[in-house]
Amino acid sequence: MTLFQRSPQAMSAEVGADVVALHAERGFAFGMEGVTASVWQLLDRPRSLAEIVAGLRLEYDVEEDQCRDEVGALLADLRDEGLIDEVTE
C-alpha cells in the first residue's frame, strides 16, 4: 500500500484557515486554501489515498470518485513540488 506524508524538507505554517508550505532546499512557497489545506492537515501522519478521501468526505459534500481523482492529482502535484513523499508499506 502506498502512503503519503509530508516531506522532511517541507515546512508549513497556518495562516487563518489557509496553509503556507515552504520547501527548504528549493526556496519556494506553496499557498493552500480550502480543500488543499484540508489535505495538508490530513498529512500530519502517513495516510493512504483512501484515508485522505474518507477524511475529506466527512468535511465536504463530494462524490467519492470525484474526490479520489482530484486528490490523486493534487498529491501528484505536491509530490512533484517535493512537498510530500510516497512511502510503500
N, C-alpha and C. Protein backbone atom coordinates (compact mmCIF):
# COMPACT_ATOMS: atom_id res chain seq x y z
N MET A 1 0.84 -1.17 0.00
CA MET A 1 0.00 0.00 0.00
C MET A 1 0.90 1.24 0.00
N THR A 2 0.49 2.24 -0.76
CA THR A 2 1.22 3.49 -0.82
C THR A 2 0.63 4.48 0.18
N LEU A 3 1.51 5.06 0.98
CA LEU A 3 1.12 6.09 1.93
C LEU A 3 1.77 7.40 1.52
N PHE A 4 1.12 8.49 1.86
CA PHE A 4 1.64 9.81 1.55
C PHE A 4 1.93 10.53 2.86
N GLN A 5 3.04 11.26 2.88
CA GLN A 5 3.42 12.00 4.08
C GLN A 5 4.13 13.28 3.69
N ARG A 6 4.12 14.24 4.59
CA ARG A 6 4.84 15.48 4.35
C ARG A 6 6.33 15.19 4.26
N SER A 7 6.98 15.86 3.34
CA SER A 7 8.43 15.71 3.20
C SER A 7 9.13 16.37 4.38
N PRO A 8 10.23 15.79 4.84
CA PRO A 8 11.00 16.44 5.90
C PRO A 8 11.56 17.80 5.45
N GLN A 9 11.63 18.01 4.13
CA GLN A 9 12.12 19.28 3.58
C GLN A 9 11.04 20.36 3.56
N ALA A 10 9.80 19.99 3.86
CA ALA A 10 8.68 20.93 3.81
C ALA A 10 8.40 21.49 5.20
N MET A 11 8.38 22.80 5.27
CA MET A 11 7.98 23.50 6.49
C MET A 11 6.65 24.16 6.18
N SER A 12 5.77 24.25 7.17
CA SER A 12 4.48 24.87 6.90
C SER A 12 4.01 25.68 8.10
N ALA A 13 3.11 26.60 7.81
CA ALA A 13 2.51 27.43 8.85
C ALA A 13 1.07 27.68 8.48
N GLU A 14 0.21 27.69 9.49
CA GLU A 14 -1.18 28.03 9.26
C GLU A 14 -1.34 29.54 9.32
N VAL A 15 -2.10 30.06 8.37
CA VAL A 15 -2.42 31.48 8.33
C VAL A 15 -3.93 31.56 8.27
N GLY A 16 -4.55 31.66 9.43
CA GLY A 16 -6.01 31.55 9.49
C GLY A 16 -6.41 30.14 9.12
N ALA A 17 -7.30 30.00 8.14
CA ALA A 17 -7.73 28.69 7.67
C ALA A 17 -6.83 28.17 6.54
N ASP A 18 -5.89 29.00 6.09
CA ASP A 18 -5.01 28.64 4.99
C ASP A 18 -3.68 28.10 5.52
N VAL A 19 -2.92 27.50 4.62
CA VAL A 19 -1.60 26.97 4.96
C VAL A 19 -0.60 27.47 3.93
N VAL A 20 0.58 27.82 4.40
CA VAL A 20 1.69 28.14 3.51
C VAL A 20 2.78 27.11 3.78
N ALA A 21 3.19 26.40 2.75
CA ALA A 21 4.25 25.40 2.87
C ALA A 21 5.47 25.92 2.12
N LEU A 22 6.62 25.66 2.69
CA LEU A 22 7.89 26.10 2.10
C LEU A 22 8.78 24.89 1.96
N HIS A 23 9.35 24.74 0.77
CA HIS A 23 10.34 23.68 0.55
C HIS A 23 11.70 24.28 0.86
N ALA A 24 12.34 23.79 1.90
CA ALA A 24 13.57 24.38 2.41
C ALA A 24 14.68 24.46 1.37
N GLU A 25 14.93 23.40 0.63
CA GLU A 25 16.03 23.39 -0.33
C GLU A 25 15.72 24.18 -1.59
N ARG A 26 14.49 24.11 -2.06
CA ARG A 26 14.11 24.79 -3.30
C ARG A 26 13.78 26.26 -3.08
N GLY A 27 13.44 26.61 -1.85
CA GLY A 27 13.19 28.00 -1.51
C GLY A 27 11.94 28.60 -2.13
N PHE A 28 10.89 27.81 -2.30
CA PHE A 28 9.65 28.37 -2.83
C PHE A 28 8.50 28.09 -1.85
N ALA A 29 7.52 28.95 -1.89
CA ALA A 29 6.35 28.81 -1.03
C ALA A 29 5.17 28.33 -1.87
N PHE A 30 4.29 27.56 -1.23
CA PHE A 30 3.12 26.99 -1.87
C PHE A 30 1.93 27.32 -0.98
N GLY A 31 1.04 28.19 -1.45
CA GLY A 31 -0.13 28.56 -0.67
C GLY A 31 -1.25 27.56 -0.85
N MET A 32 -1.91 27.23 0.24
CA MET A 32 -3.00 26.26 0.20
C MET A 32 -4.21 26.83 0.93
N GLU A 33 -5.37 26.64 0.34
CA GLU A 33 -6.61 27.06 0.98
C GLU A 33 -7.68 26.01 0.71
N GLY A 34 -8.75 26.07 1.47
CA GLY A 34 -9.87 25.16 1.25
C GLY A 34 -9.48 23.70 1.31
N VAL A 35 -9.87 22.96 0.28
CA VAL A 35 -9.63 21.52 0.24
C VAL A 35 -8.13 21.20 0.28
N THR A 36 -7.35 22.00 -0.42
CA THR A 36 -5.90 21.75 -0.44
C THR A 36 -5.32 21.85 0.97
N ALA A 37 -5.75 22.86 1.73
CA ALA A 37 -5.30 22.99 3.11
C ALA A 37 -5.78 21.82 3.95
N SER A 38 -6.99 21.35 3.70
CA SER A 38 -7.52 20.18 4.43
C SER A 38 -6.69 18.94 4.14
N VAL A 39 -6.29 18.75 2.89
CA VAL A 39 -5.44 17.61 2.54
C VAL A 39 -4.12 17.71 3.31
N TRP A 40 -3.54 18.90 3.33
CA TRP A 40 -2.26 19.10 4.03
C TRP A 40 -2.41 18.75 5.51
N GLN A 41 -3.51 19.17 6.11
CA GLN A 41 -3.74 18.86 7.52
C GLN A 41 -3.85 17.35 7.74
N LEU A 42 -4.50 16.66 6.80
CA LEU A 42 -4.62 15.20 6.91
C LEU A 42 -3.28 14.49 6.78
N LEU A 43 -2.31 15.16 6.18
CA LEU A 43 -0.99 14.56 6.01
C LEU A 43 -0.11 14.79 7.23
N ASP A 44 -0.74 15.02 8.39
CA ASP A 44 0.01 15.18 9.63
C ASP A 44 0.68 13.86 10.04
N ARG A 45 0.26 12.79 9.41
CA ARG A 45 0.89 11.47 9.57
C ARG A 45 0.72 10.74 8.24
N PRO A 46 1.50 9.70 7.98
CA PRO A 46 1.34 8.97 6.72
C PRO A 46 -0.07 8.41 6.57
N ARG A 47 -0.65 8.65 5.40
CA ARG A 47 -2.01 8.18 5.12
C ARG A 47 -2.10 7.68 3.67
N SER A 48 -3.02 6.76 3.47
CA SER A 48 -3.30 6.26 2.13
C SER A 48 -4.25 7.23 1.43
N LEU A 49 -4.36 7.09 0.13
CA LEU A 49 -5.31 7.89 -0.64
C LEU A 49 -6.72 7.66 -0.11
N ALA A 50 -7.06 6.41 0.19
CA ALA A 50 -8.40 6.09 0.70
C ALA A 50 -8.67 6.80 2.03
N GLU A 51 -7.67 6.87 2.91
CA GLU A 51 -7.85 7.56 4.18
C GLU A 51 -8.05 9.06 3.98
N ILE A 52 -7.31 9.64 3.06
CA ILE A 52 -7.45 11.07 2.78
C ILE A 52 -8.82 11.36 2.22
N VAL A 53 -9.25 10.54 1.26
CA VAL A 53 -10.58 10.72 0.65
C VAL A 53 -11.67 10.59 1.72
N ALA A 54 -11.56 9.59 2.59
CA ALA A 54 -12.56 9.41 3.65
C ALA A 54 -12.61 10.62 4.57
N GLY A 55 -11.44 11.16 4.92
CA GLY A 55 -11.40 12.34 5.78
C GLY A 55 -12.03 13.56 5.13
N LEU A 56 -11.77 13.74 3.85
CA LEU A 56 -12.35 14.88 3.14
C LEU A 56 -13.85 14.74 3.00
N ARG A 57 -14.33 13.53 2.78
CA ARG A 57 -15.77 13.33 2.60
C ARG A 57 -16.55 13.57 3.88
N LEU A 58 -15.87 13.51 5.03
CA LEU A 58 -16.51 13.88 6.30
C LEU A 58 -16.69 15.39 6.40
N GLU A 59 -15.81 16.11 5.73
CA GLU A 59 -15.80 17.58 5.82
C GLU A 59 -16.53 18.25 4.66
N TYR A 60 -16.49 17.63 3.48
CA TYR A 60 -17.06 18.22 2.27
C TYR A 60 -18.09 17.29 1.64
N ASP A 61 -19.06 17.88 0.97
CA ASP A 61 -20.07 17.12 0.24
C ASP A 61 -19.55 16.88 -1.18
N VAL A 62 -18.93 15.73 -1.38
CA VAL A 62 -18.30 15.42 -2.66
C VAL A 62 -18.45 13.92 -2.93
N GLU A 63 -18.64 13.59 -4.19
CA GLU A 63 -18.72 12.18 -4.59
C GLU A 63 -17.35 11.51 -4.43
N GLU A 64 -17.35 10.26 -4.04
CA GLU A 64 -16.09 9.55 -3.78
C GLU A 64 -15.18 9.51 -5.00
N ASP A 65 -15.73 9.17 -6.17
CA ASP A 65 -14.89 9.06 -7.37
C ASP A 65 -14.25 10.40 -7.73
N GLN A 66 -15.03 11.46 -7.68
CA GLN A 66 -14.51 12.80 -8.00
C GLN A 66 -13.43 13.19 -6.99
N CYS A 67 -13.69 12.93 -5.72
CA CYS A 67 -12.73 13.26 -4.67
C CYS A 67 -11.43 12.50 -4.88
N ARG A 68 -11.52 11.21 -5.13
CA ARG A 68 -10.33 10.38 -5.33
C ARG A 68 -9.51 10.88 -6.52
N ASP A 69 -10.19 11.22 -7.62
CA ASP A 69 -9.48 11.70 -8.81
C ASP A 69 -8.77 13.02 -8.55
N GLU A 70 -9.49 13.95 -7.92
CA GLU A 70 -8.91 15.27 -7.69
C GLU A 70 -7.81 15.25 -6.63
N VAL A 71 -8.00 14.45 -5.59
CA VAL A 71 -6.97 14.34 -4.57
C VAL A 71 -5.74 13.63 -5.13
N GLY A 72 -5.96 12.62 -5.97
CA GLY A 72 -4.82 11.94 -6.61
C GLY A 72 -3.99 12.91 -7.43
N ALA A 73 -4.65 13.80 -8.17
CA ALA A 73 -3.93 14.81 -8.97
C ALA A 73 -3.20 15.79 -8.06
N LEU A 74 -3.84 16.20 -6.97
CA LEU A 74 -3.19 17.12 -6.03
C LEU A 74 -1.97 16.48 -5.40
N LEU A 75 -2.09 15.23 -4.98
CA LEU A 75 -0.95 14.54 -4.38
C LEU A 75 0.21 14.42 -5.35
N ALA A 76 -0.10 14.18 -6.62
CA ALA A 76 0.95 14.12 -7.63
C ALA A 76 1.65 15.47 -7.76
N ASP A 77 0.87 16.56 -7.74
CA ASP A 77 1.46 17.90 -7.81
C ASP A 77 2.34 18.19 -6.60
N LEU A 78 1.85 17.86 -5.42
CA LEU A 78 2.62 18.09 -4.20
C LEU A 78 3.90 17.25 -4.19
N ARG A 79 3.81 16.03 -4.69
CA ARG A 79 5.00 15.17 -4.79
C ARG A 79 6.00 15.76 -5.77
N ASP A 80 5.50 16.21 -6.93
CA ASP A 80 6.38 16.79 -7.94
C ASP A 80 7.08 18.05 -7.43
N GLU A 81 6.42 18.80 -6.54
CA GLU A 81 7.00 20.00 -5.97
C GLU A 81 7.93 19.68 -4.78
N GLY A 82 7.99 18.40 -4.40
CA GLY A 82 8.87 18.00 -3.30
C GLY A 82 8.30 18.23 -1.92
N LEU A 83 6.98 18.52 -1.83
CA LEU A 83 6.38 18.80 -0.53
C LEU A 83 5.91 17.55 0.19
N ILE A 84 5.64 16.48 -0.53
CA ILE A 84 5.26 15.22 0.09
C ILE A 84 6.08 14.08 -0.49
N ASP A 85 6.13 13.01 0.25
CA ASP A 85 6.81 11.79 -0.17
C ASP A 85 5.81 10.64 -0.19
N GLU A 86 6.08 9.67 -1.03
CA GLU A 86 5.30 8.43 -1.04
C GLU A 86 6.13 7.37 -0.33
N VAL A 87 5.45 6.61 0.51
CA VAL A 87 6.11 5.54 1.25
C VAL A 87 5.32 4.27 0.95
N THR A 88 6.01 3.22 0.56
CA THR A 88 5.34 1.95 0.31
C THR A 88 5.40 1.12 1.58
N GLU A 89 4.25 0.68 2.01
CA GLU A 89 4.15 -0.09 3.24
C GLU A 89 4.16 -1.56 2.95
